[in-house]
């Protein structure tokens, strides 16, 4: 009796399995042939893209209409986004929270709290995050700053409303 591929079922399965082993396979990114001894190892996962990040940062340094603090923040954010794929708009609030959690001490030490806040406002302008998500994210950084002794030199203490609270007109004062 012939099977689906013109062979009997028992020997046909063995022939198909043998055929897969005898084929030549190639790496998807480099187009190099894969040796039989390397079949269990996928080198396509070993992507060294640090040069891309460095090139983007070098280009960012050429901006003349951006402050040094803004450049530092953009580099920190871009490195984070590069390593943590944000695939959809609804991932952005969680990404902001994770970014603030992982980089709170860096943001405080470099005095980048205000730059984070301005970035959050830009995301809010595009309806990617809500006011409550801004408050939650900034609170993470503020708590880290308080635990470090309030240092960081962000200069954000001049607001009349308490940090992380909405003023009476609904605007965020942070």
N, C-alpha and C. Protein backbone atom coordinates (compact mmCIF):
# COMPACT_ATOMS: atom_id res chain seq x y z
N UNK A 1 0.85 -1.19 0.00
CA UNK A 1 0.00 0.00 0.00
C UNK A 1 0.89 1.23 0.00
N UNK A 2 0.56 2.20 -0.84
CA UNK A 2 1.35 3.41 -0.92
C UNK A 2 0.77 4.47 0.01
N UNK A 3 1.67 5.19 0.63
CA UNK A 3 1.27 6.27 1.54
C UNK A 3 1.16 7.60 0.79
N UNK A 4 1.11 8.64 1.54
CA UNK A 4 0.93 9.98 1.01
C UNK A 4 2.05 10.39 0.04
N UNK A 5 3.26 9.95 0.30
CA UNK A 5 4.40 10.36 -0.52
C UNK A 5 4.82 9.27 -1.50
N UNK A 6 3.95 8.32 -1.78
CA UNK A 6 4.23 7.28 -2.75
C UNK A 6 4.99 6.10 -2.16
N UNK A 7 5.21 6.09 -0.85
CA UNK A 7 5.91 5.00 -0.20
C UNK A 7 5.01 4.42 0.87
N UNK A 8 5.34 3.21 1.30
CA UNK A 8 4.54 2.65 2.38
C UNK A 8 4.77 3.47 3.64
N UNK A 9 3.80 3.49 4.53
CA UNK A 9 3.85 4.35 5.72
C UNK A 9 5.06 4.11 6.60
N UNK A 10 5.42 2.86 6.85
CA UNK A 10 6.53 2.59 7.78
C UNK A 10 7.87 2.99 7.19
N UNK A 11 8.15 2.63 5.96
CA UNK A 11 9.44 2.98 5.37
C UNK A 11 9.44 4.42 4.89
N UNK A 12 8.29 4.96 4.56
CA UNK A 12 8.20 6.34 4.08
C UNK A 12 8.59 7.33 5.16
N UNK A 13 8.19 7.07 6.38
CA UNK A 13 8.55 7.95 7.49
C UNK A 13 10.06 7.94 7.70
N UNK A 14 10.66 6.77 7.64
CA UNK A 14 12.11 6.68 7.80
C UNK A 14 12.82 7.41 6.67
N UNK A 15 12.30 7.28 5.44
CA UNK A 15 12.92 7.94 4.30
C UNK A 15 12.82 9.46 4.43
N UNK A 16 11.68 9.98 4.91
CA UNK A 16 11.54 11.42 5.10
C UNK A 16 12.48 11.93 6.17
N UNK A 17 12.59 11.19 7.28
CA UNK A 17 13.50 11.60 8.35
C UNK A 17 14.95 11.58 7.86
N UNK A 18 15.30 10.57 7.08
CA UNK A 18 16.65 10.49 6.53
C UNK A 18 16.89 11.66 5.57
N UNK A 19 15.88 12.01 4.81
CA UNK A 19 16.00 13.12 3.87
C UNK A 19 16.26 14.44 4.57
N UNK A 20 15.64 14.68 5.73
CA UNK A 20 15.88 15.90 6.48
C UNK A 20 17.32 15.95 6.99
N UNK A 21 17.84 14.82 7.39
CA UNK A 21 19.21 14.77 7.89
C UNK A 21 20.22 14.96 6.79
N UNK A 22 19.89 14.55 5.57
CA UNK A 22 20.83 14.63 4.46
C UNK A 22 20.78 15.98 3.74
N UNK A 23 19.82 16.80 4.04
CA UNK A 23 19.72 18.10 3.39
C UNK A 23 20.81 19.04 3.89
N UNK A 24 21.06 20.07 3.10
CA UNK A 24 21.96 21.13 3.54
C UNK A 24 21.11 22.28 4.05
N UNK A 25 21.47 22.80 5.20
CA UNK A 25 20.76 23.92 5.80
C UNK A 25 21.70 25.12 5.88
N UNK A 26 21.11 26.32 5.85
CA UNK A 26 21.89 27.55 5.83
C UNK A 26 21.39 28.49 6.91
N UNK A 27 22.29 29.29 7.45
CA UNK A 27 21.95 30.30 8.45
C UNK A 27 21.10 31.39 7.78
N UNK A 28 20.08 31.83 8.48
CA UNK A 28 19.16 32.79 7.88
C UNK A 28 19.76 34.18 7.74
N UNK A 29 20.67 34.57 8.61
CA UNK A 29 21.22 35.92 8.53
C UNK A 29 22.53 35.98 7.76
N UNK A 30 23.34 34.94 7.83
CA UNK A 30 24.64 34.98 7.17
C UNK A 30 24.69 34.17 5.88
N UNK A 31 23.70 33.32 5.65
CA UNK A 31 23.62 32.45 4.48
C UNK A 31 24.78 31.45 4.41
N UNK A 32 25.41 31.18 5.53
CA UNK A 32 26.47 30.18 5.58
C UNK A 32 25.87 28.81 5.84
N UNK A 33 26.49 27.79 5.26
CA UNK A 33 26.01 26.42 5.43
C UNK A 33 26.21 25.98 6.88
N UNK A 34 25.24 25.24 7.41
CA UNK A 34 25.31 24.72 8.76
C UNK A 34 25.92 23.32 8.71
N UNK A 35 26.98 23.10 9.45
CA UNK A 35 27.58 21.77 9.54
C UNK A 35 26.66 20.86 10.32
N UNK A 36 26.73 19.58 10.02
CA UNK A 36 25.89 18.60 10.73
C UNK A 36 26.14 18.62 12.23
N UNK A 37 27.38 18.91 12.63
CA UNK A 37 27.70 18.94 14.06
C UNK A 37 27.10 20.15 14.76
N UNK A 38 26.73 21.19 14.00
CA UNK A 38 26.16 22.41 14.58
C UNK A 38 24.64 22.49 14.45
N UNK A 39 24.00 21.40 14.09
CA UNK A 39 22.56 21.44 13.85
C UNK A 39 21.76 21.83 15.10
N UNK A 40 22.26 21.52 16.28
CA UNK A 40 21.52 21.85 17.50
C UNK A 40 21.79 23.26 18.00
N UNK A 41 22.74 23.95 17.38
CA UNK A 41 23.13 25.29 17.82
C UNK A 41 22.67 26.31 16.79
N UNK A 42 22.00 27.36 17.24
CA UNK A 42 21.50 28.38 16.33
C UNK A 42 22.29 29.66 16.55
N UNK A 43 23.24 29.92 15.69
CA UNK A 43 24.08 31.10 15.84
C UNK A 43 23.34 32.38 15.47
N UNK A 44 22.17 32.28 14.86
CA UNK A 44 21.41 33.48 14.54
C UNK A 44 20.96 34.21 15.80
N UNK A 45 20.97 33.49 16.92
CA UNK A 45 20.64 34.14 18.19
C UNK A 45 21.81 34.94 18.73
N UNK A 46 23.01 34.75 18.20
CA UNK A 46 24.22 35.43 18.65
C UNK A 46 24.45 36.68 17.82
N UNK A 47 23.56 37.62 17.92
CA UNK A 47 23.66 38.83 17.12
C UNK A 47 24.38 39.90 17.94
N UNK A 48 25.45 40.42 17.40
CA UNK A 48 26.18 41.49 18.04
C UNK A 48 25.78 42.79 17.37
N UNK A 49 24.82 43.47 17.96
CA UNK A 49 24.33 44.70 17.38
C UNK A 49 24.72 45.92 18.20
N UNK A 50 25.73 45.77 19.03
CA UNK A 50 26.21 46.89 19.84
C UNK A 50 26.68 48.04 18.95
N UNK A 51 27.21 47.71 17.79
CA UNK A 51 27.68 48.75 16.88
C UNK A 51 26.53 49.63 16.42
N UNK A 52 25.33 49.05 16.27
CA UNK A 52 24.18 49.85 15.86
C UNK A 52 23.80 50.84 16.95
N UNK A 53 23.80 50.37 18.19
CA UNK A 53 23.48 51.23 19.31
C UNK A 53 24.51 52.35 19.42
N UNK A 54 25.78 52.00 19.30
CA UNK A 54 26.84 52.99 19.38
C UNK A 54 26.74 54.02 18.25
N UNK A 55 26.41 53.55 17.06
CA UNK A 55 26.26 54.46 15.91
C UNK A 55 25.10 55.42 16.15
N UNK A 56 24.00 54.91 16.67
CA UNK A 56 22.85 55.77 16.97
C UNK A 56 23.21 56.81 18.02
N UNK A 57 24.00 56.41 19.02
CA UNK A 57 24.41 57.35 20.05
C UNK A 57 25.36 58.40 19.50
N UNK A 58 26.25 57.98 18.61
CA UNK A 58 27.16 58.94 17.98
C UNK A 58 26.38 59.98 17.16
N UNK A 59 25.38 59.52 16.44
CA UNK A 59 24.54 60.44 15.67
C UNK A 59 23.76 61.38 16.60
N UNK A 60 23.32 60.84 17.74
CA UNK A 60 22.58 61.64 18.70
C UNK A 60 23.47 62.75 19.28
N UNK A 61 24.75 62.44 19.45
CA UNK A 61 25.68 63.44 19.98
C UNK A 61 25.86 64.62 19.03
N UNK A 62 25.54 64.44 17.78
CA UNK A 62 25.67 65.51 16.80
C UNK A 62 24.53 66.52 16.86
N UNK A 63 23.44 66.19 17.59
CA UNK A 63 22.34 67.14 17.73
C UNK A 63 22.83 68.39 18.45
N UNK A 64 22.47 69.56 17.95
CA UNK A 64 22.88 70.79 18.59
C UNK A 64 21.73 71.46 19.34
N UNK A 65 20.50 71.07 19.04
CA UNK A 65 19.35 71.70 19.68
C UNK A 65 18.79 70.86 20.83
N UNK A 66 19.60 69.97 21.36
CA UNK A 66 19.19 69.09 22.46
C UNK A 66 20.22 69.23 23.58
N UNK A 67 19.74 69.35 24.82
CA UNK A 67 20.65 69.50 25.96
C UNK A 67 21.39 68.20 26.24
N UNK A 68 22.46 68.31 27.00
CA UNK A 68 23.23 67.13 27.38
C UNK A 68 22.41 66.14 28.17
N UNK A 69 21.56 66.63 29.07
CA UNK A 69 20.71 65.74 29.86
C UNK A 69 19.70 65.02 28.98
N UNK A 70 19.15 65.72 28.01
CA UNK A 70 18.20 65.08 27.10
C UNK A 70 18.88 63.98 26.30
N UNK A 71 20.11 64.23 25.87
CA UNK A 71 20.86 63.22 25.13
C UNK A 71 21.13 62.00 26.01
N UNK A 72 21.52 62.24 27.27
CA UNK A 72 21.78 61.12 28.19
C UNK A 72 20.52 60.29 28.37
N UNK A 73 19.39 60.98 28.56
CA UNK A 73 18.14 60.24 28.75
C UNK A 73 17.77 59.46 27.49
N UNK A 74 17.89 60.10 26.33
CA UNK A 74 17.52 59.41 25.08
C UNK A 74 18.39 58.18 24.86
N UNK A 75 19.67 58.28 25.19
CA UNK A 75 20.55 57.12 25.05
C UNK A 75 20.14 56.01 25.99
N UNK A 76 19.82 56.36 27.24
CA UNK A 76 19.39 55.36 28.21
C UNK A 76 18.09 54.69 27.77
N UNK A 77 17.13 55.50 27.32
CA UNK A 77 15.84 54.97 26.86
C UNK A 77 16.02 54.11 25.61
N UNK A 78 16.81 54.58 24.65
CA UNK A 78 17.00 53.82 23.41
C UNK A 78 17.68 52.48 23.66
N UNK A 79 18.65 52.45 24.56
CA UNK A 79 19.29 51.18 24.91
C UNK A 79 18.27 50.23 25.54
N UNK A 80 17.41 50.77 26.39
CA UNK A 80 16.38 49.94 27.03
C UNK A 80 15.43 49.37 25.97
N UNK A 81 14.95 50.23 25.08
CA UNK A 81 14.00 49.79 24.05
C UNK A 81 14.65 48.79 23.11
N UNK A 82 15.94 48.97 22.85
CA UNK A 82 16.65 48.06 21.96
C UNK A 82 16.72 46.65 22.55
N UNK A 83 16.86 46.58 23.86
CA UNK A 83 17.00 45.27 24.52
C UNK A 83 15.66 44.66 24.94
N UNK A 84 14.64 45.48 25.12
CA UNK A 84 13.31 45.02 25.51
C UNK A 84 12.35 45.42 24.40
N UNK A 85 12.04 44.48 23.56
CA UNK A 85 11.20 44.79 22.39
C UNK A 85 9.83 45.28 22.83
N UNK A 86 9.46 46.45 22.34
CA UNK A 86 8.11 46.98 22.54
C UNK A 86 7.39 46.76 21.22
N UNK A 87 6.50 45.79 21.21
CA UNK A 87 5.90 45.35 19.95
C UNK A 87 4.59 46.05 19.63
N UNK A 88 3.95 46.63 20.65
CA UNK A 88 2.66 47.26 20.40
C UNK A 88 2.48 48.43 21.37
N UNK A 89 1.56 49.31 21.02
CA UNK A 89 1.31 50.49 21.86
C UNK A 89 0.93 50.12 23.28
N UNK A 90 0.17 49.03 23.44
CA UNK A 90 -0.28 48.69 24.79
C UNK A 90 0.85 48.14 25.67
N UNK A 91 2.02 47.89 25.09
CA UNK A 91 3.19 47.48 25.89
C UNK A 91 3.91 48.67 26.51
N UNK A 92 3.66 49.87 26.03
CA UNK A 92 4.42 51.04 26.46
C UNK A 92 4.26 51.36 27.95
N UNK A 93 3.06 51.34 28.51
CA UNK A 93 2.98 51.63 29.95
C UNK A 93 3.82 50.68 30.81
N UNK A 94 3.77 49.40 30.49
CA UNK A 94 4.57 48.43 31.25
C UNK A 94 6.05 48.66 31.00
N UNK A 95 6.42 49.00 29.78
CA UNK A 95 7.82 49.28 29.47
C UNK A 95 8.32 50.48 30.26
N UNK A 96 7.50 51.51 30.40
CA UNK A 96 7.88 52.68 31.19
C UNK A 96 8.08 52.31 32.65
N UNK A 97 7.19 51.47 33.18
CA UNK A 97 7.32 51.05 34.57
C UNK A 97 8.59 50.24 34.78
N UNK A 98 8.87 49.32 33.86
CA UNK A 98 10.07 48.49 33.97
C UNK A 98 11.32 49.37 33.81
N UNK A 99 11.28 50.31 32.88
CA UNK A 99 12.41 51.22 32.68
C UNK A 99 12.68 52.00 33.97
N UNK A 100 11.63 52.54 34.56
CA UNK A 100 11.80 53.32 35.79
C UNK A 100 12.33 52.44 36.92
N UNK A 101 11.85 51.21 37.01
CA UNK A 101 12.31 50.30 38.06
C UNK A 101 13.78 49.96 37.87
N UNK A 102 14.17 49.63 36.65
CA UNK A 102 15.55 49.20 36.39
C UNK A 102 16.55 50.35 36.42
N UNK A 103 16.10 51.55 36.03
CA UNK A 103 17.03 52.67 35.88
C UNK A 103 16.77 53.81 36.86
N UNK A 104 16.00 53.58 37.90
CA UNK A 104 15.67 54.65 38.85
C UNK A 104 16.93 55.26 39.45
N UNK A 105 17.86 54.43 39.88
CA UNK A 105 19.07 54.99 40.50
C UNK A 105 19.89 55.77 39.48
N UNK A 106 19.99 55.29 38.24
CA UNK A 106 20.71 56.02 37.20
C UNK A 106 20.05 57.37 36.92
N UNK A 107 18.73 57.35 36.83
CA UNK A 107 17.99 58.58 36.57
C UNK A 107 18.22 59.60 37.68
N UNK A 108 18.25 59.12 38.92
CA UNK A 108 18.48 60.01 40.05
C UNK A 108 19.91 60.53 40.07
N UNK A 109 20.87 59.65 39.88
CA UNK A 109 22.28 60.05 39.93
C UNK A 109 22.64 61.03 38.82
N UNK A 110 22.05 60.85 37.65
CA UNK A 110 22.36 61.73 36.53
C UNK A 110 21.42 62.93 36.46
N UNK A 111 20.45 63.00 37.38
CA UNK A 111 19.51 64.12 37.39
C UNK A 111 18.59 64.13 36.19
N UNK A 112 18.10 62.97 35.80
CA UNK A 112 17.29 62.85 34.59
C UNK A 112 15.80 62.63 34.87
N UNK A 113 15.37 62.91 36.10
CA UNK A 113 13.96 62.72 36.43
C UNK A 113 13.07 63.58 35.55
N UNK A 114 13.43 64.84 35.38
CA UNK A 114 12.61 65.74 34.56
C UNK A 114 12.56 65.29 33.11
N UNK A 115 13.67 64.76 32.60
CA UNK A 115 13.67 64.28 31.22
C UNK A 115 12.74 63.08 31.06
N UNK A 116 12.71 62.21 32.08
CA UNK A 116 11.75 61.10 32.06
C UNK A 116 10.33 61.65 32.05
N UNK A 117 10.08 62.65 32.89
CA UNK A 117 8.74 63.23 32.96
C UNK A 117 8.35 63.86 31.62
N UNK A 118 9.25 64.58 30.99
CA UNK A 118 8.95 65.17 29.68
C UNK A 118 8.69 64.08 28.63
N UNK A 119 9.44 63.00 28.72
CA UNK A 119 9.22 61.88 27.80
C UNK A 119 7.84 61.26 28.04
N UNK A 120 7.49 61.13 29.30
CA UNK A 120 6.17 60.58 29.63
C UNK A 120 5.07 61.50 29.11
N UNK A 121 5.27 62.81 29.21
CA UNK A 121 4.29 63.75 28.65
C UNK A 121 4.16 63.59 27.14
N UNK A 122 5.27 63.36 26.47
CA UNK A 122 5.21 63.15 25.02
C UNK A 122 4.41 61.88 24.71
N UNK A 123 4.63 60.83 25.48
CA UNK A 123 3.85 59.60 25.28
C UNK A 123 2.37 59.84 25.57
N UNK A 124 2.09 60.66 26.59
CA UNK A 124 0.70 60.99 26.93
C UNK A 124 0.06 61.80 25.80
N UNK A 125 0.83 62.72 25.18
CA UNK A 125 0.31 63.51 24.06
C UNK A 125 -0.17 62.63 22.92
N UNK A 126 0.46 61.49 22.74
CA UNK A 126 0.08 60.55 21.68
C UNK A 126 -0.88 59.47 22.18
N UNK A 127 -1.44 59.67 23.36
CA UNK A 127 -2.40 58.73 23.97
C UNK A 127 -1.83 57.33 24.14
N UNK A 128 -0.55 57.24 24.46
CA UNK A 128 0.08 55.94 24.66
C UNK A 128 0.10 55.54 26.13
N UNK A 129 0.00 56.53 27.01
CA UNK A 129 -0.07 56.26 28.45
C UNK A 129 -1.08 57.21 29.07
N UNK A 130 -1.53 56.87 30.25
CA UNK A 130 -2.50 57.70 30.95
C UNK A 130 -1.81 58.52 32.04
N UNK A 131 -2.57 59.45 32.61
CA UNK A 131 -2.06 60.27 33.71
C UNK A 131 -1.66 59.40 34.88
N UNK A 132 -2.47 58.41 35.19
CA UNK A 132 -2.18 57.51 36.31
C UNK A 132 -0.89 56.72 36.07
N UNK A 133 -0.64 56.36 34.83
CA UNK A 133 0.59 55.63 34.52
C UNK A 133 1.81 56.55 34.64
N UNK A 134 1.63 57.82 34.32
CA UNK A 134 2.72 58.79 34.52
C UNK A 134 3.03 58.91 36.01
N UNK A 135 1.98 59.04 36.81
CA UNK A 135 2.16 59.17 38.26
C UNK A 135 2.85 57.93 38.82
N UNK A 136 2.41 56.76 38.40
CA UNK A 136 3.00 55.51 38.91
C UNK A 136 4.48 55.40 38.53
N UNK A 137 4.81 55.77 37.31
CA UNK A 137 6.20 55.67 36.85
C UNK A 137 7.09 56.68 37.57
N UNK A 138 6.64 57.91 37.67
CA UNK A 138 7.44 58.94 38.35
C UNK A 138 7.58 58.63 39.83
N UNK A 139 6.56 58.02 40.42
CA UNK A 139 6.62 57.64 41.83
C UNK A 139 7.75 56.65 42.07
N UNK A 140 7.97 55.74 41.14
CA UNK A 140 9.06 54.77 41.27
C UNK A 140 10.40 55.50 41.37
N UNK A 141 10.60 56.48 40.50
CA UNK A 141 11.85 57.24 40.50
C UNK A 141 11.95 58.10 41.76
N UNK A 142 10.84 58.73 42.15
CA UNK A 142 10.85 59.56 43.36
C UNK A 142 11.17 58.75 44.61
N UNK A 143 10.64 57.53 44.69
CA UNK A 143 10.94 56.68 45.84
C UNK A 143 12.41 56.28 45.86
N UNK A 144 12.96 56.01 44.70
CA UNK A 144 14.39 55.69 44.63
C UNK A 144 15.23 56.90 45.02
N UNK A 145 14.80 58.07 44.61
CA UNK A 145 15.53 59.30 44.95
C UNK A 145 15.45 59.56 46.44
N UNK A 146 14.30 59.31 47.05
CA UNK A 146 14.15 59.50 48.50
C UNK A 146 15.01 58.51 49.27
N UNK A 147 15.10 57.27 48.76
CA UNK A 147 15.92 56.27 49.45
C UNK A 147 17.41 56.55 49.31
N UNK A 148 17.78 57.33 48.26
CA UNK A 148 19.18 57.71 48.07
C UNK A 148 19.52 59.01 48.79
N UNK A 149 18.57 59.56 49.49
CA UNK A 149 18.82 60.78 50.24
C UNK A 149 18.39 62.04 49.52
N UNK A 150 17.58 61.89 48.47
CA UNK A 150 17.03 63.06 47.79
C UNK A 150 17.99 63.71 46.82
N UNK A 151 19.15 63.13 46.58
CA UNK A 151 20.14 63.73 45.67
C UNK A 151 19.75 63.55 44.23
N UNK A 152 20.63 63.95 43.35
CA UNK A 152 20.40 63.77 41.93
C UNK A 152 20.34 65.06 41.18
N UNK A 153 20.02 66.15 41.86
CA UNK A 153 20.06 67.46 41.23
C UNK A 153 19.10 67.64 40.09
N UNK A 154 17.88 67.08 40.18
CA UNK A 154 16.94 67.24 39.08
C UNK A 154 16.32 68.63 39.09
N UNK A 155 16.35 69.29 40.23
CA UNK A 155 15.82 70.64 40.28
C UNK A 155 14.33 70.70 40.09
N UNK A 156 13.64 69.66 40.48
CA UNK A 156 12.19 69.63 40.23
C UNK A 156 11.40 69.95 41.48
N UNK A 157 11.98 70.56 42.46
CA UNK A 157 11.27 70.83 43.70
C UNK A 157 10.55 72.15 43.72
N UNK A 158 10.43 72.87 42.60
CA UNK A 158 9.82 74.18 42.60
C UNK A 158 8.33 74.16 42.34
N UNK A 159 7.73 73.00 42.17
CA UNK A 159 6.31 72.90 41.88
C UNK A 159 5.50 73.22 43.12
N UNK A 160 4.31 73.83 42.92
CA UNK A 160 3.46 74.15 44.06
C UNK A 160 2.67 72.95 44.52
N UNK A 161 2.37 72.01 43.63
CA UNK A 161 1.66 70.80 44.01
C UNK A 161 2.67 69.76 44.46
N UNK A 162 2.28 68.87 45.38
CA UNK A 162 3.21 67.81 45.80
C UNK A 162 3.58 66.94 44.61
N UNK A 163 4.80 66.40 44.64
CA UNK A 163 5.25 65.54 43.55
C UNK A 163 4.32 64.35 43.40
N UNK A 164 4.00 64.03 42.14
CA UNK A 164 3.18 62.86 41.86
C UNK A 164 1.71 63.07 42.10
N UNK A 165 1.27 64.30 42.34
CA UNK A 165 -0.15 64.57 42.59
C UNK A 165 -0.69 65.45 41.47
N UNK A 166 -1.96 65.30 41.22
CA UNK A 166 -2.62 66.16 40.23
C UNK A 166 -3.05 67.43 40.90
N UNK A 167 -2.90 68.55 40.22
CA UNK A 167 -3.38 69.81 40.76
C UNK A 167 -4.89 69.87 40.60
N UNK A 168 -5.50 70.94 41.11
CA UNK A 168 -6.97 71.03 41.10
C UNK A 168 -7.54 71.06 39.69
N UNK A 169 -6.79 71.52 38.70
CA UNK A 169 -7.32 71.56 37.33
C UNK A 169 -7.06 70.27 36.57
N UNK A 170 -6.49 69.24 37.24
CA UNK A 170 -6.30 67.95 36.61
C UNK A 170 -4.94 67.79 35.95
N UNK A 171 -4.14 68.85 35.92
CA UNK A 171 -2.83 68.76 35.32
C UNK A 171 -1.87 68.10 36.29
N UNK A 172 -0.95 67.36 35.75
CA UNK A 172 0.02 66.66 36.59
C UNK A 172 1.12 67.62 36.98
N UNK A 173 1.40 67.66 38.26
CA UNK A 173 2.52 68.47 38.75
C UNK A 173 3.55 67.52 39.28
N UNK A 174 4.67 67.44 38.66
CA UNK A 174 5.63 66.45 39.10
C UNK A 174 6.96 67.03 39.22
